[in-house]
Amino acid sequence: MSGERELLLEIGCEELPASWLPGLTRQMAERVAARLAEFRLEAGETEAFSTPRRLGVVVGRVAQRQSDLEELITGPPVSAAIKDGQPTAAGLGFARKNGVEFAALVRVETPKGEYLALGRRERGRAAADVLPAVAAATLRDLAFPKPMKWDAVLDDGKGELAFGRPIRWLLILFGGRVVPLAIRRSVVAPGVHDVVSGNATSGHRFLAVTGRPGRAVRVKSFED
């Protein structure tokens, strides 16, 4: 890969039971790796970490652009798509469904016989454009022994987000830049706020080498 960048994701939340952490840590590594592959983003090793108030993962090398998609979409059998040298409703419908003229279709041999097909190539998008979907999918992927609803809606268009405990912060960085993602709260009450991704993590609530315990700490990388 060339031009890779670091991906850092940390979910800050209210205290999780310690017994949940080993399984959730494994899930973080597995699900982020799986979602990056699904979104055609070449990536290096995925390393996860956790404490009772945070679940995190770092991927040191992620490509800056998706790999191009090349696929062959198989349609109806030629015997059903062409009659007396003319396209049938099945053949025309397959072409229309894929937004091409019937003449753009090709014939391919398969173990089941000759079929119509369409070759398609899609140029990969910039990683920055697809990583919000990777992060949102990861949040939804995590399975908890006792998930809870906390009146929160993830802005991925799929509605309410259940989680092990209420989320308090999201740190999502790609090459030091914030990957946008938001969790909207449906409750209006003092101290209840939307959670918007940023570049800040939270220090220990009671201990601090310098400054105020529990203060926000801004970072650009996992090393920070």
Foldseek 3Di string as FASTA:
>chain_A
DPPWWKKKKKWFFPFDPPVCPVVQQVLLQVLLVVLCVVLQKDFDHKGWDDDRGMTMIMTGTIDFWHAKDKDKAWFAAPVQQADPRHGDPRLCVVQVVVVHGSVQWDWDQDPVGITIIHIDIGGIGGPLVCVQVSVVVSQQPRDDPDWDFDQKFWPPPPGGGTGSGDTDEMEIAINQHWRWIKIAHPDDDPPDGIYIYDQWDWAAQCDDPDDHHGDIDGDRDPVD
